[in-house]
Amino acid sequence: MRPLTEQAVRDSFVNCSRGETERLAMPRDLAERPWDDLDFLGWRDPGAPGRSYLVAEREGEPVGVALRLPSSRRGFSHRSMCSLCLTTHPGDGVSLMTARKAGAAGREGNSAGIYICADLACSLYIRGKKALLAGSRFEETLTTEQQIARTVGHLSAFLAKLRD
């Protein structure tokens, strides 16, 4: 992913008002992110544990979405799999994140959801740049590049649901 400025990130959101994008908490380490290893920029809002943000390139342009996590999270003893990168995590390492749809559909309360790594580090798990504490990645016959393409495809499909 190409590096983005704070203003480019704020301007990319499709499911937020201008005021919401101006108030959202930006990552403090934006300039230091490992951009070459990212398929999307994702971060949790440190001041609001139920909020996350994701920005991906779609057709060469950044597209950002605000995500919500469930208000009650229970520590399950089972494992869950991320729908984007197919990494499995125990407990609450994977969360259902929902996003309000863009435009009129979103104003009417319509949303879409996806199960995703709670820390939004899918890109780093695929590349082996972030170690899993207790989770795992299945051994695959796909190359890393093919796994990246699959993840980007899954993310693009999710983003398309928000724009339709």
N, C-alpha and C. Protein backbone atom coordinates (compact mmCIF):
# COMPACT_ATOMS: atom_id res chain seq x y z
N MET A 1 0.85 -1.17 0.00
CA MET A 1 0.00 0.00 0.00
C MET A 1 0.89 1.23 0.00
N ARG A 2 0.46 2.24 -0.70
CA ARG A 2 1.26 3.48 -0.72
C ARG A 2 0.99 4.27 0.55
N PRO A 3 2.01 4.98 1.05
CA PRO A 3 1.83 5.77 2.27
C PRO A 3 0.75 6.83 2.10
N LEU A 4 -0.01 7.05 3.16
CA LEU A 4 -1.08 8.04 3.14
C LEU A 4 -0.83 9.10 4.20
N THR A 5 -1.24 10.31 3.89
CA THR A 5 -1.18 11.39 4.87
C THR A 5 -2.44 11.35 5.73
N GLU A 6 -2.40 12.05 6.83
CA GLU A 6 -3.57 12.12 7.69
C GLU A 6 -4.77 12.68 6.93
N GLN A 7 -4.55 13.72 6.13
CA GLN A 7 -5.67 14.31 5.40
C GLN A 7 -6.22 13.35 4.35
N ALA A 8 -5.35 12.60 3.67
CA ALA A 8 -5.81 11.62 2.69
C ALA A 8 -6.65 10.53 3.36
N VAL A 9 -6.23 10.13 4.56
CA VAL A 9 -7.00 9.14 5.31
C VAL A 9 -8.36 9.71 5.67
N ARG A 10 -8.40 10.91 6.22
CA ARG A 10 -9.67 11.52 6.61
C ARG A 10 -10.60 11.70 5.41
N ASP A 11 -10.04 12.08 4.27
CA ASP A 11 -10.85 12.32 3.06
C ASP A 11 -11.37 11.02 2.44
N SER A 12 -10.82 9.87 2.84
CA SER A 12 -11.16 8.61 2.18
C SER A 12 -12.45 7.96 2.69
N PHE A 13 -12.97 8.38 3.84
CA PHE A 13 -14.09 7.68 4.45
C PHE A 13 -15.38 7.86 3.67
N VAL A 14 -16.03 6.73 3.40
CA VAL A 14 -17.27 6.73 2.61
C VAL A 14 -18.52 6.56 3.47
N ASN A 15 -18.36 6.18 4.73
CA ASN A 15 -19.54 5.93 5.56
C ASN A 15 -19.57 6.82 6.81
N CYS A 16 -18.94 7.98 6.70
CA CYS A 16 -18.91 8.94 7.81
C CYS A 16 -19.22 10.32 7.27
N SER A 17 -19.76 11.15 8.16
CA SER A 17 -19.95 12.55 7.79
C SER A 17 -18.60 13.26 7.87
N ARG A 18 -18.53 14.44 7.31
CA ARG A 18 -17.29 15.24 7.35
C ARG A 18 -16.91 15.51 8.81
N GLY A 19 -17.88 15.83 9.64
CA GLY A 19 -17.61 16.08 11.05
C GLY A 19 -17.06 14.86 11.76
N GLU A 20 -17.63 13.68 11.45
CA GLU A 20 -17.14 12.44 12.06
C GLU A 20 -15.70 12.17 11.67
N THR A 21 -15.37 12.40 10.40
CA THR A 21 -13.99 12.13 9.96
C THR A 21 -13.01 13.11 10.59
N GLU A 22 -13.44 14.32 10.85
CA GLU A 22 -12.55 15.29 11.49
C GLU A 22 -12.30 14.95 12.95
N ARG A 23 -13.26 14.27 13.59
CA ARG A 23 -13.13 13.95 15.01
C ARG A 23 -12.48 12.59 15.27
N LEU A 24 -12.39 11.74 14.26
CA LEU A 24 -11.88 10.39 14.53
C LEU A 24 -10.41 10.41 14.93
N ALA A 25 -10.07 9.48 15.81
CA ALA A 25 -8.70 9.39 16.35
C ALA A 25 -7.79 8.72 15.32
N MET A 26 -6.79 9.44 14.89
CA MET A 26 -5.83 8.91 13.92
C MET A 26 -4.72 8.16 14.64
N PRO A 27 -4.12 7.18 13.97
CA PRO A 27 -2.98 6.50 14.60
C PRO A 27 -1.81 7.47 14.74
N ARG A 28 -1.17 7.43 15.89
CA ARG A 28 -0.06 8.35 16.14
C ARG A 28 1.19 7.98 15.34
N ASP A 29 1.27 6.72 14.93
CA ASP A 29 2.45 6.25 14.21
C ASP A 29 2.22 6.14 12.70
N LEU A 30 1.35 6.97 12.16
CA LEU A 30 0.99 6.89 10.75
C LEU A 30 2.21 6.92 9.84
N ALA A 31 3.14 7.80 10.08
CA ALA A 31 4.33 7.92 9.23
C ALA A 31 5.25 6.72 9.35
N GLU A 32 5.22 6.02 10.49
CA GLU A 32 6.12 4.89 10.72
C GLU A 32 5.51 3.53 10.36
N ARG A 33 4.30 3.52 9.87
CA ARG A 33 3.67 2.24 9.52
C ARG A 33 4.49 1.53 8.44
N PRO A 34 4.51 0.20 8.45
CA PRO A 34 5.27 -0.55 7.43
C PRO A 34 4.48 -0.62 6.11
N TRP A 35 4.36 0.50 5.44
CA TRP A 35 3.48 0.65 4.27
C TRP A 35 3.72 -0.42 3.21
N ASP A 36 4.97 -0.81 2.99
CA ASP A 36 5.25 -1.82 1.96
C ASP A 36 4.68 -3.19 2.32
N ASP A 37 4.42 -3.42 3.59
CA ASP A 37 3.88 -4.69 4.05
C ASP A 37 2.38 -4.65 4.32
N LEU A 38 1.73 -3.54 4.02
CA LEU A 38 0.31 -3.41 4.31
C LEU A 38 -0.54 -3.54 3.05
N ASP A 39 -1.63 -4.29 3.19
CA ASP A 39 -2.63 -4.36 2.14
C ASP A 39 -3.76 -3.39 2.44
N PHE A 40 -3.85 -2.98 3.70
CA PHE A 40 -4.79 -1.95 4.13
C PHE A 40 -4.26 -1.37 5.43
N LEU A 41 -4.70 -0.17 5.72
CA LEU A 41 -4.37 0.49 6.98
C LEU A 41 -5.54 0.25 7.93
N GLY A 42 -5.26 -0.33 9.07
CA GLY A 42 -6.32 -0.58 10.04
C GLY A 42 -5.85 -0.20 11.43
N TRP A 43 -6.75 0.39 12.23
CA TRP A 43 -6.39 0.73 13.60
C TRP A 43 -7.65 0.79 14.46
N ARG A 44 -7.42 0.57 15.75
CA ARG A 44 -8.47 0.66 16.76
C ARG A 44 -8.41 2.05 17.37
N ASP A 45 -9.54 2.57 17.76
CA ASP A 45 -9.61 3.87 18.41
C ASP A 45 -9.28 3.67 19.89
N PRO A 46 -8.15 4.21 20.37
CA PRO A 46 -7.78 3.98 21.77
C PRO A 46 -8.76 4.60 22.77
N GLY A 47 -9.48 5.63 22.36
CA GLY A 47 -10.42 6.27 23.26
C GLY A 47 -11.82 5.68 23.22
N ALA A 48 -12.06 4.80 22.25
CA ALA A 48 -13.39 4.18 22.10
C ALA A 48 -13.18 2.73 21.67
N PRO A 49 -13.10 1.82 22.61
CA PRO A 49 -12.78 0.42 22.30
C PRO A 49 -13.72 -0.24 21.29
N GLY A 50 -14.90 0.30 21.11
CA GLY A 50 -15.84 -0.29 20.16
C GLY A 50 -15.69 0.23 18.74
N ARG A 51 -14.68 1.05 18.49
CA ARG A 51 -14.50 1.63 17.14
C ARG A 51 -13.17 1.22 16.54
N SER A 52 -13.23 0.92 15.26
CA SER A 52 -12.03 0.64 14.47
C SER A 52 -12.20 1.32 13.12
N TYR A 53 -11.08 1.46 12.42
CA TYR A 53 -11.10 2.11 11.12
C TYR A 53 -10.22 1.32 10.16
N LEU A 54 -10.62 1.32 8.90
CA LEU A 54 -9.89 0.58 7.89
C LEU A 54 -9.86 1.42 6.62
N VAL A 55 -8.68 1.54 6.00
CA VAL A 55 -8.53 2.26 4.74
C VAL A 55 -7.79 1.34 3.78
N ALA A 56 -8.38 1.11 2.60
CA ALA A 56 -7.77 0.25 1.59
C ALA A 56 -7.77 0.99 0.26
N GLU A 57 -6.89 0.56 -0.62
CA GLU A 57 -6.89 1.12 -1.97
C GLU A 57 -7.88 0.32 -2.81
N ARG A 58 -8.72 1.05 -3.51
CA ARG A 58 -9.69 0.43 -4.40
C ARG A 58 -9.68 1.25 -5.68
N GLU A 59 -9.32 0.59 -6.78
CA GLU A 59 -9.20 1.26 -8.07
C GLU A 59 -8.24 2.45 -7.97
N GLY A 60 -7.16 2.26 -7.22
CA GLY A 60 -6.11 3.26 -7.11
C GLY A 60 -6.39 4.39 -6.14
N GLU A 61 -7.53 4.39 -5.50
CA GLU A 61 -7.89 5.46 -4.57
C GLU A 61 -8.13 4.88 -3.17
N PRO A 62 -7.77 5.62 -2.13
CA PRO A 62 -8.05 5.12 -0.77
C PRO A 62 -9.54 5.19 -0.46
N VAL A 63 -10.04 4.12 0.14
CA VAL A 63 -11.44 4.04 0.56
C VAL A 63 -11.42 3.66 2.04
N GLY A 64 -11.96 4.52 2.88
CA GLY A 64 -11.98 4.28 4.31
C GLY A 64 -13.37 3.98 4.82
N VAL A 65 -13.43 3.11 5.83
CA VAL A 65 -14.71 2.79 6.48
C VAL A 65 -14.50 2.78 7.99
N ALA A 66 -15.51 3.28 8.69
CA ALA A 66 -15.54 3.20 10.14
C ALA A 66 -16.24 1.90 10.50
N LEU A 67 -15.67 1.17 11.45
CA LEU A 67 -16.19 -0.13 11.87
C LEU A 67 -16.59 -0.08 13.34
N ARG A 68 -17.59 -0.87 13.68
CA ARG A 68 -18.03 -0.99 15.07
C ARG A 68 -17.86 -2.43 15.52
N LEU A 69 -17.48 -2.60 16.75
CA LEU A 69 -17.38 -3.92 17.36
C LEU A 69 -18.58 -4.12 18.26
N PRO A 70 -18.94 -5.37 18.53
CA PRO A 70 -20.07 -5.61 19.43
C PRO A 70 -19.81 -4.99 20.79
N SER A 71 -20.88 -4.51 21.42
CA SER A 71 -20.72 -3.86 22.73
C SER A 71 -20.36 -4.84 23.83
N SER A 72 -20.81 -6.07 23.70
CA SER A 72 -20.43 -7.07 24.71
C SER A 72 -19.63 -8.16 24.03
N ARG A 73 -18.44 -8.36 24.56
CA ARG A 73 -17.55 -9.39 24.01
C ARG A 73 -17.29 -10.38 25.13
N ARG A 74 -17.48 -11.62 24.81
CA ARG A 74 -17.26 -12.66 25.81
C ARG A 74 -16.00 -13.43 25.44
N GLY A 75 -15.23 -13.80 26.41
CA GLY A 75 -14.02 -14.58 26.19
C GLY A 75 -14.37 -16.05 25.96
N PHE A 76 -14.51 -16.42 24.72
CA PHE A 76 -14.83 -17.80 24.39
C PHE A 76 -13.57 -18.64 24.40
N SER A 77 -13.72 -19.92 24.64
CA SER A 77 -12.57 -20.81 24.63
C SER A 77 -12.36 -21.45 23.26
N HIS A 78 -13.16 -21.07 22.28
CA HIS A 78 -13.01 -21.64 20.94
C HIS A 78 -12.10 -20.76 20.08
N ARG A 79 -11.80 -21.25 18.91
CA ARG A 79 -10.98 -20.52 17.96
C ARG A 79 -11.89 -19.97 16.86
N SER A 80 -11.53 -18.81 16.35
CA SER A 80 -12.27 -18.20 15.25
C SER A 80 -11.30 -17.86 14.13
N MET A 81 -11.83 -17.81 12.90
CA MET A 81 -10.99 -17.53 11.74
C MET A 81 -11.38 -16.19 11.12
N CYS A 82 -10.38 -15.41 10.79
CA CYS A 82 -10.57 -14.14 10.11
C CYS A 82 -11.06 -14.40 8.69
N SER A 83 -12.07 -13.67 8.27
CA SER A 83 -12.62 -13.83 6.92
C SER A 83 -11.72 -13.23 5.84
N LEU A 84 -10.80 -12.36 6.23
CA LEU A 84 -9.91 -11.74 5.25
C LEU A 84 -8.66 -12.59 5.01
N CYS A 85 -7.89 -12.84 6.07
CA CYS A 85 -6.59 -13.49 5.91
C CYS A 85 -6.57 -14.96 6.29
N LEU A 86 -7.67 -15.47 6.83
CA LEU A 86 -7.82 -16.86 7.24
C LEU A 86 -6.89 -17.27 8.37
N THR A 87 -6.50 -16.31 9.19
CA THR A 87 -5.73 -16.60 10.40
C THR A 87 -6.71 -16.97 11.49
N THR A 88 -6.37 -17.99 12.29
CA THR A 88 -7.23 -18.35 13.41
C THR A 88 -6.67 -17.78 14.70
N HIS A 89 -7.56 -17.38 15.58
CA HIS A 89 -7.20 -16.82 16.87
C HIS A 89 -8.09 -17.45 17.94
N PRO A 90 -7.56 -17.60 19.14
CA PRO A 90 -8.41 -18.06 20.25
C PRO A 90 -9.20 -16.89 20.83
N GLY A 91 -10.24 -17.22 21.56
CA GLY A 91 -10.99 -16.20 22.30
C GLY A 91 -11.50 -15.08 21.43
N ASP A 92 -11.18 -13.84 21.81
CA ASP A 92 -11.70 -12.68 21.09
C ASP A 92 -10.67 -12.10 20.11
N GLY A 93 -9.77 -12.93 19.59
CA GLY A 93 -8.78 -12.48 18.61
C GLY A 93 -9.37 -12.18 17.25
N VAL A 94 -10.58 -12.67 17.00
CA VAL A 94 -11.33 -12.34 15.80
C VAL A 94 -12.64 -11.73 16.26
N SER A 95 -13.01 -10.61 15.67
CA SER A 95 -14.25 -9.93 16.06
C SER A 95 -15.13 -9.68 14.84
N LEU A 96 -16.42 -9.71 15.08
CA LEU A 96 -17.36 -9.27 14.06
C LEU A 96 -17.31 -7.75 14.07
N MET A 97 -16.94 -7.17 12.94
CA MET A 97 -16.91 -5.72 12.83
C MET A 97 -17.95 -5.34 11.79
N THR A 98 -18.77 -4.37 12.14
CA THR A 98 -19.82 -3.93 11.23
C THR A 98 -19.55 -2.51 10.79
N ALA A 99 -20.00 -2.20 9.59
CA ALA A 99 -19.83 -0.86 9.05
C ALA A 99 -21.15 -0.40 8.46
N ARG A 100 -21.49 0.84 8.75
CA ARG A 100 -22.66 1.45 8.14
C ARG A 100 -22.40 1.57 6.65
N LYS A 101 -23.41 1.30 5.84
CA LYS A 101 -23.26 1.44 4.39
C LYS A 101 -23.15 2.91 4.02
N ALA A 102 -22.57 3.17 2.87
CA ALA A 102 -22.42 4.53 2.38
C ALA A 102 -23.76 5.05 1.84
N GLY A 103 -23.92 6.35 1.81
CA GLY A 103 -25.06 6.99 1.17
C GLY A 103 -26.38 6.78 1.89
N ALA A 104 -27.45 6.76 1.08
CA ALA A 104 -28.81 6.67 1.61
C ALA A 104 -29.04 5.39 2.40
N ALA A 105 -28.47 4.30 1.93
CA ALA A 105 -28.64 3.02 2.64
C ALA A 105 -28.09 3.11 4.06
N GLY A 106 -26.96 3.75 4.23
CA GLY A 106 -26.38 3.92 5.56
C GLY A 106 -27.21 4.85 6.43
N ARG A 107 -27.75 5.90 5.83
CA ARG A 107 -28.60 6.82 6.61
C ARG A 107 -29.88 6.12 7.06
N GLU A 108 -30.28 5.07 6.35
CA GLU A 108 -31.46 4.29 6.73
C GLU A 108 -31.12 3.22 7.76
N GLY A 109 -29.84 3.12 8.12
CA GLY A 109 -29.43 2.17 9.15
C GLY A 109 -28.90 0.85 8.64
N ASN A 110 -28.72 0.72 7.34
CA ASN A 110 -28.20 -0.54 6.78
C ASN A 110 -26.70 -0.65 6.99
N SER A 111 -26.25 -1.87 7.26
CA SER A 111 -24.84 -2.11 7.51
C SER A 111 -24.45 -3.48 6.98
N ALA A 112 -23.17 -3.74 6.99
CA ALA A 112 -22.63 -5.05 6.62
C ALA A 112 -21.54 -5.39 7.62
N GLY A 113 -21.31 -6.67 7.83
CA GLY A 113 -20.32 -7.08 8.81
C GLY A 113 -19.36 -8.09 8.26
N ILE A 114 -18.23 -8.23 8.95
CA ILE A 114 -17.21 -9.18 8.56
C ILE A 114 -16.44 -9.60 9.81
N TYR A 115 -16.06 -10.86 9.86
CA TYR A 115 -15.20 -11.35 10.94
C TYR A 115 -13.76 -11.09 10.54
N ILE A 116 -13.04 -10.35 11.38
CA ILE A 116 -11.70 -9.91 11.03
C ILE A 116 -10.80 -9.96 12.27
N CYS A 117 -9.50 -10.11 12.05
CA CYS A 117 -8.54 -10.09 13.17
C CYS A 117 -8.80 -8.83 13.99
N ALA A 118 -8.99 -8.99 15.28
CA ALA A 118 -9.35 -7.87 16.15
C ALA A 118 -8.30 -6.76 16.14
N ASP A 119 -7.05 -7.12 15.89
CA ASP A 119 -5.99 -6.10 15.86
C ASP A 119 -5.76 -5.53 14.47
N LEU A 120 -6.52 -5.99 13.48
CA LEU A 120 -6.46 -5.52 12.09
C LEU A 120 -5.05 -5.67 11.48
N ALA A 121 -4.33 -6.70 11.89
CA ALA A 121 -2.96 -6.91 11.42
C ALA A 121 -2.88 -8.04 10.38
N CYS A 122 -3.93 -8.26 9.63
CA CYS A 122 -3.97 -9.34 8.65
C CYS A 122 -2.75 -9.35 7.73
N SER A 123 -2.40 -8.20 7.20
CA SER A 123 -1.27 -8.10 6.27
C SER A 123 0.02 -8.62 6.89
N LEU A 124 0.23 -8.31 8.16
CA LEU A 124 1.46 -8.71 8.83
C LEU A 124 1.45 -10.20 9.17
N TYR A 125 0.29 -10.76 9.46
CA TYR A 125 0.21 -12.21 9.71
C TYR A 125 0.53 -12.99 8.44
N ILE A 126 -0.03 -12.56 7.32
CA ILE A 126 0.21 -13.27 6.05
C ILE A 126 1.70 -13.30 5.73
N ARG A 127 2.38 -12.20 5.94
CA ARG A 127 3.79 -12.07 5.59
C ARG A 127 4.72 -12.61 6.67
N GLY A 128 4.18 -13.07 7.79
CA GLY A 128 5.00 -13.58 8.88
C GLY A 128 5.73 -12.48 9.63
N LYS A 129 5.25 -11.23 9.53
CA LYS A 129 5.90 -10.09 10.18
C LYS A 129 5.40 -9.86 11.59
N LYS A 130 4.27 -10.47 11.92
CA LYS A 130 3.74 -10.37 13.28
C LYS A 130 3.49 -11.78 13.77
N ALA A 131 4.05 -12.06 14.91
CA ALA A 131 3.91 -13.40 15.49
C ALA A 131 2.56 -13.54 16.16
N LEU A 132 2.01 -14.71 16.05
CA LEU A 132 0.76 -15.03 16.72
C LEU A 132 1.09 -15.55 18.10
N LEU A 133 0.46 -14.98 19.10
CA LEU A 133 0.71 -15.43 20.47
C LEU A 133 0.14 -16.82 20.69
N ALA A 134 -1.11 -17.00 20.32
CA ALA A 134 -1.74 -18.30 20.53
C ALA A 134 -2.53 -18.74 19.31
N GLY A 135 -2.55 -17.93 18.28
CA GLY A 135 -3.30 -18.26 17.07
C GLY A 135 -2.44 -19.06 16.12
N SER A 136 -2.97 -19.29 14.94
CA SER A 136 -2.20 -20.05 13.97
C SER A 136 -2.63 -19.71 12.56
N ARG A 137 -1.73 -19.99 11.66
CA ARG A 137 -2.04 -19.91 10.24
C ARG A 137 -1.88 -21.32 9.70
N PHE A 138 -2.85 -21.75 8.95
CA PHE A 138 -2.77 -23.07 8.35
C PHE A 138 -1.68 -23.08 7.30
N GLU A 139 -1.00 -24.20 7.19
CA GLU A 139 -0.01 -24.33 6.14
C GLU A 139 -0.75 -24.42 4.82
N GLU A 140 -0.41 -23.56 3.89
CA GLU A 140 -1.11 -23.50 2.61
C GLU A 140 -0.16 -23.78 1.47
N THR A 141 -0.72 -24.22 0.37
CA THR A 141 0.08 -24.41 -0.83
C THR A 141 0.15 -23.13 -1.64
N LEU A 142 -0.64 -22.13 -1.29
CA LEU A 142 -0.59 -20.85 -1.97
C LEU A 142 0.68 -20.10 -1.59
N THR A 143 1.22 -19.36 -2.51
CA THR A 143 2.36 -18.51 -2.21
C THR A 143 1.88 -17.32 -1.38
N THR A 144 2.82 -16.61 -0.78
CA THR A 144 2.45 -15.42 -0.02
C THR A 144 1.73 -14.42 -0.92
N GLU A 145 2.20 -14.25 -2.15
CA GLU A 145 1.57 -13.32 -3.08
C GLU A 145 0.13 -13.74 -3.38
N GLN A 146 -0.12 -15.03 -3.50
CA GLN A 146 -1.48 -15.52 -3.74
C GLN A 146 -2.36 -15.30 -2.51
N GLN A 147 -1.79 -15.48 -1.33
CA GLN A 147 -2.54 -15.24 -0.10
C GLN A 147 -2.89 -13.75 0.03
N ILE A 148 -1.95 -12.90 -0.35
CA ILE A 148 -2.20 -11.45 -0.33
C ILE A 148 -3.33 -11.11 -1.30
N ALA A 149 -3.27 -11.68 -2.51
CA ALA A 149 -4.31 -11.42 -3.51
C ALA A 149 -5.68 -11.89 -3.00
N ARG A 150 -5.71 -13.04 -2.35
CA ARG A 150 -6.98 -13.55 -1.80
C ARG A 150 -7.51 -12.59 -0.73
N THR A 151 -6.64 -12.12 0.15
CA THR A 151 -7.05 -11.20 1.22
C THR A 151 -7.58 -9.90 0.63
N VAL A 152 -6.87 -9.36 -0.34
CA VAL A 152 -7.31 -8.12 -1.00
C VAL A 152 -8.65 -8.35 -1.69
N GLY A 153 -8.84 -9.51 -2.29
CA GLY A 153 -10.11 -9.84 -2.93
C GLY A 153 -11.25 -9.90 -1.93
N HIS A 154 -11.01 -10.54 -0.77
CA HIS A 154 -12.04 -10.60 0.27
C HIS A 154 -12.38 -9.20 0.79
N LEU A 155 -11.35 -8.38 0.98
CA LEU A 155 -11.58 -7.02 1.45
C LEU A 155 -12.34 -6.19 0.41
N SER A 156 -11.98 -6.33 -0.86
CA SER A 156 -12.67 -5.61 -1.92
C SER A 156 -14.14 -5.99 -1.99
N ALA A 157 -14.44 -7.27 -1.79
CA ALA A 157 -15.83 -7.72 -1.79
C ALA A 157 -16.60 -7.10 -0.63
N PHE A 158 -15.98 -7.01 0.53
CA PHE A 158 -16.63 -6.39 1.68
C PHE A 158 -16.88 -4.91 1.41
N LEU A 159 -15.87 -4.21 0.89
CA LEU A 159 -16.03 -2.79 0.60
C LEU A 159 -17.12 -2.55 -0.45
N ALA A 160 -17.23 -3.46 -1.42
CA ALA A 160 -18.27 -3.33 -2.43
C ALA A 160 -19.66 -3.42 -1.80
N LYS A 161 -19.82 -4.27 -0.78
CA LYS A 161 -21.11 -4.38 -0.08
C LYS A 161 -21.50 -3.06 0.57
N LEU A 162 -20.50 -2.30 1.01
CA LEU A 162 -20.77 -1.03 1.68
C LEU A 162 -21.13 0.08 0.71
N ARG A 163 -20.72 -0.06 -0.52
CA ARG A 163 -20.95 0.99 -1.50
C ARG A 163 -22.20 0.75 -2.34
N ASP A 164 -22.71 -0.48 -2.31
CA ASP A 164 -23.88 -0.83 -3.14
C ASP A 164 -25.17 -0.31 -2.54
